[in-house]
Amino acid sequence: MPTPPLLSGETYHIFNRGNNRENIFIEERNYRYFLKLYAKYINQVVDTFAYCLLRNHFHFLVRIKEEQDKQDCQSSKDWQSYLSPSRAFSNLFSTYTKAIN
């Protein structure tokens, strides 16, 4: 069954962990890199209220931006990523996974 899309105006607890509870942040620089990717892919589509990065998992408390917040996006690339918050998180997770592997 496919994952339902993230809906505008809704609040979500986003979390993930490594396979078999393995570490996903090996070195200190991995945390910084993950947050850099988070800013690149996610900041345009959500408001982040809280987050916690632990060695083998992470948590984010986010609210998907409302439709009127789309005007805040500066470029067409930002606009496209805004149209699909689920895609933005997918891009973040796959980019980080490829880098860490």
PDB file of N, CA and C in Angstrom:
ATOM      1  N   MET A   1       0.838  -1.177   0.000  1.00  0.00           N
ATOM      2  CA  MET A   1       0.000   0.000   0.000  1.00  0.00           C
ATOM      3  C   MET A   1       0.886   1.244   0.000  1.00  0.00           C
ATOM      4  N   PRO A   2       0.669   2.176  -0.942  1.00  0.00           N
ATOM      5  CA  PRO A   2       1.511   3.366  -1.009  1.00  0.00           C
ATOM      6  C   PRO A   2       1.292   4.284   0.191  1.00  0.00           C
ATOM      7  N   THR A   3       2.335   5.014   0.540  1.00  0.00           N
ATOM      8  CA  THR A   3       2.255   5.975   1.630  1.00  0.00           C
ATOM      9  C   THR A   3       1.390   7.150   1.198  1.00  0.00           C
ATOM     10  N   PRO A   4       0.448   7.584   2.030  1.00  0.00           N
ATOM     11  CA  PRO A   4      -0.384   8.737   1.653  1.00  0.00           C
ATOM     12  C   PRO A   4       0.456  10.010   1.599  1.00  0.00           C
ATOM     13  N   PRO A   5       0.078  10.963   0.755  1.00  0.00           N
ATOM     14  CA  PRO A   5       0.857  12.198   0.632  1.00  0.00           C
ATOM     15  C   PRO A   5       0.743  13.046   1.894  1.00  0.00           C
ATOM     16  N   LEU A   6       1.747  13.877   2.107  1.00  0.00           N
ATOM     17  CA  LEU A   6       1.721  14.833   3.213  1.00  0.00           C
ATOM     18  C   LEU A   6       0.820  15.991   2.812  1.00  0.00           C
ATOM     19  N   LEU A   7      -0.097  16.391   3.689  1.00  0.00           N
ATOM     20  CA  LEU A   7      -1.121  17.381   3.369  1.00  0.00           C
ATOM     21  C   LEU A   7      -0.786  18.755   3.922  1.00  0.00           C
ATOM     22  N   SER A   8      -1.076  19.793   3.149  1.00  0.00           N
ATOM     23  CA  SER A   8      -0.843  21.175   3.561  1.00  0.00           C
ATOM     24  C   SER A   8      -1.559  21.471   4.867  1.00  0.00           C
ATOM     25  N   GLY A   9      -0.865  22.182   5.751  1.00  0.00           N
ATOM     26  CA  GLY A   9      -1.444  22.602   7.013  1.00  0.00           C
ATOM     27  C   GLY A   9      -1.436  21.556   8.101  1.00  0.00           C
ATOM     28  N   GLU A  10      -1.071  20.329   7.775  1.00  0.00           N
ATOM     29  CA  GLU A  10      -1.057  19.251   8.768  1.00  0.00           C
ATOM     30  C   GLU A  10       0.302  19.160   9.455  1.00  0.00           C
ATOM     31  N   THR A  11       0.299  18.668  10.678  1.00  0.00           N
ATOM     32  CA  THR A  11       1.519  18.488  11.460  1.00  0.00           C
ATOM     33  C   THR A  11       1.868  17.011  11.487  1.00  0.00           C
ATOM     34  N   TYR A  12       3.168  16.719  11.341  1.00  0.00           N
ATOM     35  CA  TYR A  12       3.625  15.332  11.264  1.00  0.00           C
ATOM     36  C   TYR A  12       4.855  15.112  12.136  1.00  0.00           C
ATOM     37  N   HIS A  13       4.955  13.910  12.660  1.00  0.00           N
ATOM     38  CA  HIS A  13       6.163  13.429  13.312  1.00  0.00           C
ATOM     39  C   HIS A  13       6.860  12.544  12.274  1.00  0.00           C
ATOM     40  N   ILE A  14       7.948  13.056  11.723  1.00  0.00           N
ATOM     41  CA  ILE A  14       8.714  12.324  10.705  1.00  0.00           C
ATOM     42  C   ILE A  14       9.897  11.676  11.415  1.00  0.00           C
ATOM     43  N   PHE A  15      10.073  10.385  11.237  1.00  0.00           N
ATOM     44  CA  PHE A  15      11.195   9.705  11.862  1.00  0.00           C
ATOM     45  C   PHE A  15      11.671   8.573  10.967  1.00  0.00           C
ATOM     46  N   ASN A  16      12.904   8.174  11.201  1.00  0.00           N
ATOM     47  CA  ASN A  16      13.492   7.075  10.445  1.00  0.00           C
ATOM     48  C   ASN A  16      14.673   6.549  11.237  1.00  0.00           C
ATOM     49  N   ARG A  17      15.071   5.323  10.942  1.00  0.00           N
ATOM     50  CA  ARG A  17      16.237   4.753  11.601  1.00  0.00           C
ATOM     51  C   ARG A  17      16.982   3.861  10.631  1.00  0.00           C
ATOM     52  N   GLY A  18      18.199   3.506  10.994  1.00  0.00           N
ATOM     53  CA  GLY A  18      19.013   2.657  10.152  1.00  0.00           C
ATOM     54  C   GLY A  18      18.506   1.227  10.125  1.00  0.00           C
ATOM     55  N   ASN A  19      18.842   0.515   9.062  1.00  0.00           N
ATOM     56  CA  ASN A  19      18.499  -0.917   8.973  1.00  0.00           C
ATOM     57  C   ASN A  19      19.104  -1.664  10.156  1.00  0.00           C
ATOM     58  N   ASN A  20      18.329  -2.554  10.750  1.00  0.00           N
ATOM     59  CA  ASN A  20      18.794  -3.335  11.898  1.00  0.00           C
ATOM     60  C   ASN A  20      19.321  -2.447  13.020  1.00  0.00           C
ATOM     61  N   ARG A  21      18.772  -1.246  13.086  1.00  0.00           N
ATOM     62  CA  ARG A  21      19.162  -0.249  14.097  1.00  0.00           C
ATOM     63  C   ARG A  21      20.627   0.139  14.023  1.00  0.00           C
ATOM     64  N   GLU A  22      21.219   0.009  12.837  1.00  0.00           N
ATOM     65  CA  GLU A  22      22.607   0.419  12.645  1.00  0.00           C
ATOM     66  C   GLU A  22      22.693   1.940  12.669  1.00  0.00           C
ATOM     67  N   ASN A  23      23.881   2.440  12.976  1.00  0.00           N
ATOM     68  CA  ASN A  23      24.084   3.886  13.013  1.00  0.00           C
ATOM     69  C   ASN A  23      23.914   4.485  11.626  1.00  0.00           C
ATOM     70  N   ILE A  24      23.270   5.628  11.576  1.00  0.00           N
ATOM     71  CA  ILE A  24      23.158   6.375  10.323  1.00  0.00           C
ATOM     72  C   ILE A  24      24.017   7.638  10.365  1.00  0.00           C
ATOM     73  N   PHE A  25      24.473   7.997  11.551  1.00  0.00           N
ATOM     74  CA  PHE A  25      25.413   9.104  11.716  1.00  0.00           C
ATOM     75  C   PHE A  25      26.675   8.514  12.336  1.00  0.00           C
ATOM     76  N   ILE A  26      27.710   8.343  11.508  1.00  0.00           N
ATOM     77  CA  ILE A  26      28.928   7.679  11.948  1.00  0.00           C
ATOM     78  C   ILE A  26      29.886   8.670  12.612  1.00  0.00           C
ATOM     79  N   GLU A  27      30.033   9.841  11.986  1.00  0.00           N
ATOM     80  CA  GLU A  27      30.939  10.880  12.477  1.00  0.00           C
ATOM     81  C   GLU A  27      30.162  12.168  12.712  1.00  0.00           C
ATOM     82  N   GLU A  28      30.763  13.099  13.448  1.00  0.00           N
ATOM     83  CA  GLU A  28      30.120  14.393  13.716  1.00  0.00           C
ATOM     84  C   GLU A  28      29.730  15.104  12.423  1.00  0.00           C
ATOM     85  N   ARG A  29      30.568  15.016  11.415  1.00  0.00           N
ATOM     86  CA  ARG A  29      30.293  15.724  10.158  1.00  0.00           C
ATOM     87  C   ARG A  29      29.039  15.187   9.460  1.00  0.00           C
ATOM     88  N   ASN A  30      28.657  13.952   9.752  1.00  0.00           N
ATOM     89  CA  ASN A  30      27.438  13.392   9.162  1.00  0.00           C
ATOM     90  C   ASN A  30      26.193  14.150   9.627  1.00  0.00           C
ATOM     91  N   TYR A  31      26.187  14.568  10.885  1.00  0.00           N
ATOM     92  CA  TYR A  31      25.058  15.357  11.404  1.00  0.00           C
ATOM     93  C   TYR A  31      24.942  16.676  10.651  1.00  0.00           C
ATOM     94  N   ARG A  32      26.072  17.359  10.486  1.00  0.00           N
ATOM     95  CA  ARG A  32      26.076  18.652   9.778  1.00  0.00           C
ATOM     96  C   ARG A  32      25.650  18.481   8.323  1.00  0.00           C
ATOM     97  N   TYR A  33      26.132  17.433   7.674  1.00  0.00           N
ATOM     98  CA  TYR A  33      25.771  17.181   6.282  1.00  0.00           C
ATOM     99  C   TYR A  33      24.267  16.907   6.152  1.00  0.00           C
ATOM    100  N   PHE A  34      23.723  16.102   7.053  1.00  0.00           N
ATOM    101  CA  PHE A  34      22.298  15.798   7.029  1.00  0.00           C
ATOM    102  C   PHE A  34      21.480  17.078   7.192  1.00  0.00           C
ATOM    103  N   LEU A  35      21.868  17.945   8.119  1.00  0.00           N
ATOM    104  CA  LEU A  35      21.136  19.195   8.329  1.00  0.00           C
ATOM    105  C   LEU A  35      21.281  20.146   7.133  1.00  0.00           C
ATOM    106  N   LYS A  36      22.421  20.095   6.471  1.00  0.00           N
ATOM    107  CA  LYS A  36      22.601  20.891   5.251  1.00  0.00           C
ATOM    108  C   LYS A  36      21.640  20.401   4.164  1.00  0.00           C
ATOM    109  N   LEU A  37      21.522  19.100   3.995  1.00  0.00           N
ATOM    110  CA  LEU A  37      20.571  18.546   3.029  1.00  0.00           C
ATOM    111  C   LEU A  37      19.135  18.858   3.435  1.00  0.00           C
ATOM    112  N   TYR A  38      18.856  18.809   4.734  1.00  0.00           N
ATOM    113  CA  TYR A  38      17.524  19.134   5.227  1.00  0.00           C
ATOM    114  C   TYR A  38      17.152  20.563   4.827  1.00  0.00           C
ATOM    115  N   ALA A  39      18.083  21.478   5.020  1.00  0.00           N
ATOM    116  CA  ALA A  39      17.829  22.873   4.634  1.00  0.00           C
ATOM    117  C   ALA A  39      17.599  22.989   3.128  1.00  0.00           C
ATOM    118  N   LYS A  40      18.358  22.251   2.345  1.00  0.00           N
ATOM    119  CA  LYS A  40      18.247  22.318   0.887  1.00  0.00           C
ATOM    120  C   LYS A  40      16.908  21.779   0.390  1.00  0.00           C
ATOM    121  N   TYR A  41      16.486  20.637   0.901  1.00  0.00           N
ATOM    122  CA  TYR A  41      15.304  19.964   0.365  1.00  0.00           C
ATOM    123  C   TYR A  41      13.999  20.264   1.107  1.00  0.00           C
ATOM    124  N   ILE A  42      14.082  20.595   2.382  1.00  0.00           N
ATOM    125  CA  ILE A  42      12.878  20.600   3.211  1.00  0.00           C
ATOM    126  C   ILE A  42      12.411  21.988   3.644  1.00  0.00           C
ATOM    127  N   ASN A  43      13.309  22.926   3.872  1.00  0.00           N
ATOM    128  CA  ASN A  43      12.916  24.226   4.434  1.00  0.00           C
ATOM    129  C   ASN A  43      11.855  24.956   3.625  1.00  0.00           C
ATOM    130  N   GLN A  44      11.798  24.749   2.322  1.00  0.00           N
ATOM    131  CA  GLN A  44      10.802  25.430   1.496  1.00  0.00           C
ATOM    132  C   GLN A  44       9.408  24.842   1.650  1.00  0.00           C
ATOM    133  N   VAL A  45       9.303  23.621   2.166  1.00  0.00           N
ATOM    134  CA  VAL A  45       8.005  22.951   2.187  1.00  0.00           C
ATOM    135  C   VAL A  45       7.406  22.760   3.566  1.00  0.00           C
ATOM    136  N   VAL A  46       8.210  22.908   4.627  1.00  0.00           N
ATOM    137  CA  VAL A  46       7.687  22.710   5.978  1.00  0.00           C
ATOM    138  C   VAL A  46       8.188  23.791   6.924  1.00  0.00           C
ATOM    139  N   ASP A  47       7.462  23.953   8.013  1.00  0.00           N
ATOM    140  CA  ASP A  47       7.946  24.681   9.181  1.00  0.00           C
ATOM    141  C   ASP A  47       8.377  23.621  10.174  1.00  0.00           C
ATOM    142  N   THR A  48       9.623  23.692  10.630  1.00  0.00           N
ATOM    143  CA  THR A  48      10.149  22.708  11.564  1.00  0.00           C
ATOM    144  C   THR A  48      10.029  23.249  12.980  1.00  0.00           C
ATOM    145  N   PHE A  49       9.351  22.507  13.838  1.00  0.00           N
ATOM    146  CA  PHE A  49       9.165  22.922  15.227  1.00  0.00           C
ATOM    147  C   PHE A  49      10.226  22.341  16.147  1.00  0.00           C
ATOM    148  N   ALA A  50      10.633  21.110  15.901  1.00  0.00           N
ATOM    149  CA  ALA A  50      11.636  20.456  16.744  1.00  0.00           C
ATOM    150  C   ALA A  50      12.269  19.318  15.960  1.00  0.00           C
ATOM    151  N   TYR A  51      13.496  18.988  16.345  1.00  0.00           N
ATOM    152  CA  TYR A  51      14.147  17.820  15.760  1.00  0.00           C
ATOM    153  C   TYR A  51      15.137  17.237  16.740  1.00  0.00           C
ATOM    154  N   CYS A  52      15.453  15.977  16.537  1.00  0.00           N
ATOM    155  CA  CYS A  52      16.431  15.274  17.359  1.00  0.00           C
ATOM    156  C   CYS A  52      17.167  14.288  16.455  1.00  0.00           C
ATOM    157  N   LEU A  53      18.483  14.443  16.377  1.00  0.00           N
ATOM    158  CA  LEU A  53      19.308  13.521  15.596  1.00  0.00           C
ATOM    159  C   LEU A  53      20.098  12.661  16.568  1.00  0.00           C
ATOM    160  N   LEU A  54      19.863  11.379  16.539  1.00  0.00           N
ATOM    161  CA  LEU A  54      20.581  10.428  17.381  1.00  0.00           C
ATOM    162  C   LEU A  54      21.410   9.518  16.475  1.00  0.00           C
ATOM    163  N   ARG A  55      22.321   8.761  17.053  1.00  0.00           N
ATOM    164  CA  ARG A  55      23.237   7.965  16.226  1.00  0.00           C
ATOM    165  C   ARG A  55      22.527   7.061  15.223  1.00  0.00           C
ATOM    166  N   ASN A  56      21.459   6.399  15.631  1.00  0.00           N
ATOM    167  CA  ASN A  56      20.846   5.415  14.738  1.00  0.00           C
ATOM    168  C   ASN A  56      19.446   5.800  14.268  1.00  0.00           C
ATOM    169  N   HIS A  57      18.980   6.993  14.601  1.00  0.00           N
ATOM    170  CA  HIS A  57      17.677   7.436  14.120  1.00  0.00           C
ATOM    171  C   HIS A  57      17.509   8.942  14.306  1.00  0.00           C
ATOM    172  N   PHE A  58      16.418   9.468  13.777  1.00  0.00           N
ATOM    173  CA  PHE A  58      16.123  10.891  13.931  1.00  0.00           C
ATOM    174  C   PHE A  58      14.623  11.103  14.016  1.00  0.00           C
ATOM    175  N   HIS A  59      14.252  12.285  14.524  1.00  0.00           N
ATOM    176  CA  HIS A  59      12.851  12.696  14.645  1.00  0.00           C
ATOM    177  C   HIS A  59      12.737  14.151  14.204  1.00  0.00           C
ATOM    178  N   PHE A  60      11.655  14.487  13.506  1.00  0.00           N
ATOM    179  CA  PHE A  60      11.317  15.873  13.163  1.00  0.00           C
ATOM    180  C   PHE A  60       9.842  16.086  13.443  1.00  0.00           C
ATOM    181  N   LEU A  61       9.510  17.217  14.038  1.00  0.00           N
ATOM    182  CA  LEU A  61       8.128  17.631  14.191  1.00  0.00           C
ATOM    183  C   LEU A  61       7.931  18.797  13.236  1.00  0.00           C
ATOM    184  N   VAL A  62       7.110  18.601  12.210  1.00  0.00           N
ATOM    185  CA  VAL A  62       6.971  19.589  11.136  1.00  0.00           C
ATOM    186  C   VAL A  62       5.503  19.852  10.816  1.00  0.00           C
ATOM    187  N   ARG A  63       5.261  21.022  10.247  1.00  0.00           N
ATOM    188  CA  ARG A  63       3.950  21.359   9.689  1.00  0.00           C
ATOM    189  C   ARG A  63       4.160  21.675   8.224  1.00  0.00           C
ATOM    190  N   ILE A  64       3.402  21.026   7.362  1.00  0.00           N
ATOM    191  CA  ILE A  64       3.494  21.283   5.933  1.00  0.00           C
ATOM    192  C   ILE A  64       2.925  22.672   5.667  1.00  0.00           C
ATOM    193  N   LYS A  65       3.659  23.479   4.919  1.00  0.00           N
ATOM    194  CA  LYS A  65       3.242  24.856   4.668  1.00  0.00           C
ATOM    195  C   LYS A  65       1.909  24.912   3.932  1.00  0.00           C
ATOM    196  N   GLU A  66       1.147  25.945   4.226  1.00  0.00           N
ATOM    197  CA  GLU A  66      -0.159  26.170   3.609  1.00  0.00           C
ATOM    198  C   GLU A  66       0.008  26.629   2.160  1.00  0.00           C
ATOM    199  N   GLU A  67      -1.063  26.567   1.411  1.00  0.00           N
ATOM    200  CA  GLU A  67      -1.052  26.967   0.000  1.00  0.00           C
ATOM    201  C   GLU A  67      -0.566  28.399  -0.182  1.00  0.00           C
ATOM    202  N   GLN A  68      -1.001  29.331   0.679  1.00  0.00           N
ATOM    203  CA  GLN A  68      -0.612  30.723   0.486  1.00  0.00           C
ATOM    204  C   GLN A  68       0.880  30.925   0.722  1.00  0.00           C
ATOM    205  N   ASP A  69       1.533  29.998   1.412  1.00  0.00           N
ATOM    206  CA  ASP A  69       2.968  30.101   1.642  1.00  0.00           C
ATOM    207  C   ASP A  69       3.768  29.825   0.374  1.00  0.00           C
ATOM    208  N   LYS A  70       3.120  29.320  -0.659  1.00  0.00           N
ATOM    209  CA  LYS A  70       3.822  29.049  -1.917  1.00  0.00           C
ATOM    210  C   LYS A  70       4.448  30.309  -2.486  1.00  0.00           C
ATOM    211  N   GLN A  71       3.816  31.463  -2.252  1.00  0.00           N
ATOM    212  CA  GLN A  71       4.364  32.713  -2.773  1.00  0.00           C
ATOM    213  C   GLN A  71       5.741  33.021  -2.187  1.00  0.00           C
ATOM    214  N   ASP A  72       6.070  32.411  -1.049  1.00  0.00           N
ATOM    215  CA  ASP A  72       7.373  32.638  -0.430  1.00  0.00           C
ATOM    216  C   ASP A  72       8.498  31.973  -1.205  1.00  0.00           C
ATOM    217  N   CYS A  73       8.176  30.999  -2.037  1.00  0.00           N
ATOM    218  CA  CYS A  73       9.198  30.302  -2.819  1.00  0.00           C
ATOM    219  C   CYS A  73       9.754  31.247  -3.879  1.00  0.00           C
ATOM    220  N   GLN A  74      11.068  31.313  -3.978  1.00  0.00           N
ATOM    221  CA  GLN A  74      11.718  32.277  -4.863  1.00  0.00           C
ATOM    222  C   GLN A  74      11.890  31.805  -6.299  1.00  0.00           C
ATOM    223  N   SER A  75      12.176  30.534  -6.497  1.00  0.00           N
ATOM    224  CA  SER A  75      12.473  30.061  -7.849  1.00  0.00           C
ATOM    225  C   SER A  75      11.505  28.954  -8.254  1.00  0.00           C
ATOM    226  N   SER A  76      11.498  28.649  -9.538  1.00  0.00           N
ATOM    227  CA  SER A  76      10.618  27.582 -10.013  1.00  0.00           C
ATOM    228  C   SER A  76      11.029  26.240  -9.432  1.00  0.00           C
ATOM    229  N   LYS A  77      12.321  26.040  -9.171  1.00  0.00           N
ATOM    230  CA  LYS A  77      12.763  24.789  -8.561  1.00  0.00           C
ATOM    231  C   LYS A  77      12.163  24.665  -7.156  1.00  0.00           C
ATOM    232  N   ASP A  78      12.192  25.768  -6.392  1.00  0.00           N
ATOM    233  CA  ASP A  78      11.578  25.750  -5.063  1.00  0.00           C
ATOM    234  C   ASP A  78      10.090  25.460  -5.181  1.00  0.00           C
ATOM    235  N   TRP A  79       9.447  26.045  -6.172  1.00  0.00           N
ATOM    236  CA  TRP A  79       8.012  25.854  -6.379  1.00  0.00           C
ATOM    237  C   TRP A  79       7.709  24.385  -6.643  1.00  0.00           C
ATOM    238  N   GLN A  80       8.513  23.749  -7.475  1.00  0.00           N
ATOM    239  CA  GLN A  80       8.287  22.347  -7.794  1.00  0.00           C
ATOM    240  C   GLN A  80       8.442  21.465  -6.568  1.00  0.00           C
ATOM    241  N   SER A  81       9.476  21.739  -5.754  1.00  0.00           N
ATOM    242  CA  SER A  81       9.650  20.918  -4.564  1.00  0.00           C
ATOM    243  C   SER A  81       8.530  21.182  -3.572  1.00  0.00           C
ATOM    244  N   TYR A  82       7.976  22.403  -3.573  1.00  0.00           N
ATOM    245  CA  TYR A  82       6.874  22.691  -2.671  1.00  0.00           C
ATOM    246  C   TYR A  82       5.634  21.888  -3.045  1.00  0.00           C
ATOM    247  N   LEU A  83       5.443  21.679  -4.306  1.00  0.00           N
ATOM    248  CA  LEU A  83       4.241  20.983  -4.745  1.00  0.00           C
ATOM    249  C   LEU A  83       4.182  19.559  -4.219  1.00  0.00           C
ATOM    250  N   SER A  84       5.295  19.008  -3.828  1.00  0.00           N
ATOM    251  CA  SER A  84       5.302  17.632  -3.338  1.00  0.00           C
ATOM    252  C   SER A  84       6.200  17.508  -2.104  1.00  0.00           C
ATOM    253  N   PRO A  85       5.672  17.788  -0.925  1.00  0.00           N
ATOM    254  CA  PRO A  85       6.476  17.609   0.288  1.00  0.00           C
ATOM    255  C   PRO A  85       6.962  16.164   0.450  1.00  0.00           C
ATOM    256  N   SER A  86       6.149  15.209   0.057  1.00  0.00           N
ATOM    257  CA  SER A  86       6.565  13.807   0.145  1.00  0.00           C
ATOM    258  C   SER A  86       7.798  13.564  -0.713  1.00  0.00           C
ATOM    259  N   ARG A  87       7.827  14.163  -1.904  1.00  0.00           N
ATOM    260  CA  ARG A  87       8.977  14.034  -2.802  1.00  0.00           C
ATOM    261  C   ARG A  87      10.212  14.708  -2.191  1.00  0.00           C
ATOM    262  N   ALA A  88      10.027  15.843  -1.527  1.00  0.00           N
ATOM    263  CA  ALA A  88      11.150  16.543  -0.903  1.00  0.00           C
ATOM    264  C   ALA A  88      11.799  15.660   0.171  1.00  0.00           C
ATOM    265  N   PHE A  89      10.981  15.017   1.016  1.00  0.00           N
ATOM    266  CA  PHE A  89      11.545  14.117   2.028  1.00  0.00           C
ATOM    267  C   PHE A  89      12.200  12.908   1.375  1.00  0.00           C
ATOM    268  N   SER A  90      11.609  12.386   0.325  1.00  0.00           N
ATOM    269  CA  SER A  90      12.205  11.264  -0.399  1.00  0.00           C
ATOM    270  C   SER A  90      13.582  11.651  -0.945  1.00  0.00           C
ATOM    271  N   ASN A  91      13.672  12.846  -1.514  1.00  0.00           N
ATOM    272  CA  ASN A  91      14.956  13.325  -2.044  1.00  0.00           C
ATOM    273  C   ASN A  91      15.994  13.452  -0.937  1.00  0.00           C
ATOM    274  N   LEU A  92      15.586  13.989   0.206  1.00  0.00           N
ATOM    275  CA  LEU A  92      16.503  14.109   1.345  1.00  0.00           C
ATOM    276  C   LEU A  92      17.020  12.741   1.766  1.00  0.00           C
ATOM    277  N   PHE A  93      16.112  11.802   1.987  1.00  0.00           N
ATOM    278  CA  PHE A  93      16.504  10.487   2.481  1.00  0.00           C
ATOM    279  C   PHE A  93      17.385   9.736   1.491  1.00  0.00           C
ATOM    280  N   SER A  94      17.035   9.787   0.214  1.00  0.00           N
ATOM    281  CA  SER A  94      17.831   9.043  -0.773  1.00  0.00           C
ATOM    282  C   SER A  94      19.204   9.690  -0.984  1.00  0.00           C
ATOM    283  N   THR A  95      19.267  11.012  -0.959  1.00  0.00           N
ATOM    284  CA  THR A  95      20.555  11.688  -1.123  1.00  0.00           C
ATOM    285  C   THR A  95      21.478  11.362   0.033  1.00  0.00           C
ATOM    286  N   TYR A  96      20.964  11.434   1.260  1.00  0.00           N
ATOM    287  CA  TYR A  96      21.793  11.131   2.420  1.00  0.00           C
ATOM    288  C   TYR A  96      22.228   9.652   2.412  1.00  0.00           C
ATOM    289  N   THR A  97      21.309   8.769   2.084  1.00  0.00           N
ATOM    290  CA  THR A  97      21.624   7.341   2.053  1.00  0.00           C
ATOM    291  C   THR A  97      22.744   7.042   1.059  1.00  0.00           C
ATOM    292  N   LYS A  98      22.647   7.627  -0.111  1.00  0.00           N
ATOM    293  CA  LYS A  98      23.692   7.408  -1.121  1.00  0.00           C
ATOM    294  C   LYS A  98      25.032   7.933  -0.622  1.00  0.00           C
ATOM    295  N   ALA A  99      25.037   9.084   0.037  1.00  0.00           N
ATOM    296  CA  ALA A  99      26.299   9.671   0.515  1.00  0.00           C
ATOM    297  C   ALA A  99      26.915   8.833   1.638  1.00  0.00           C
ATOM    298  N   ILE A 100      26.094   8.358   2.553  1.00  0.00           N
ATOM    299  CA  ILE A 100      26.619   7.627   3.707  1.00  0.00           C
ATOM    300  C   ILE A 100      27.086   6.228   3.309  1.00  0.00           C
ATOM    301  N   ASN A 101      26.443   5.645   2.296  1.00  0.00           N
ATOM    302  CA  ASN A 101      26.864   4.316   1.836  1.00  0.00           C
ATOM    303  C   ASN A 101      28.135   4.409   1.011  1.00  0.00           C
TER     304      ASN A 101
END
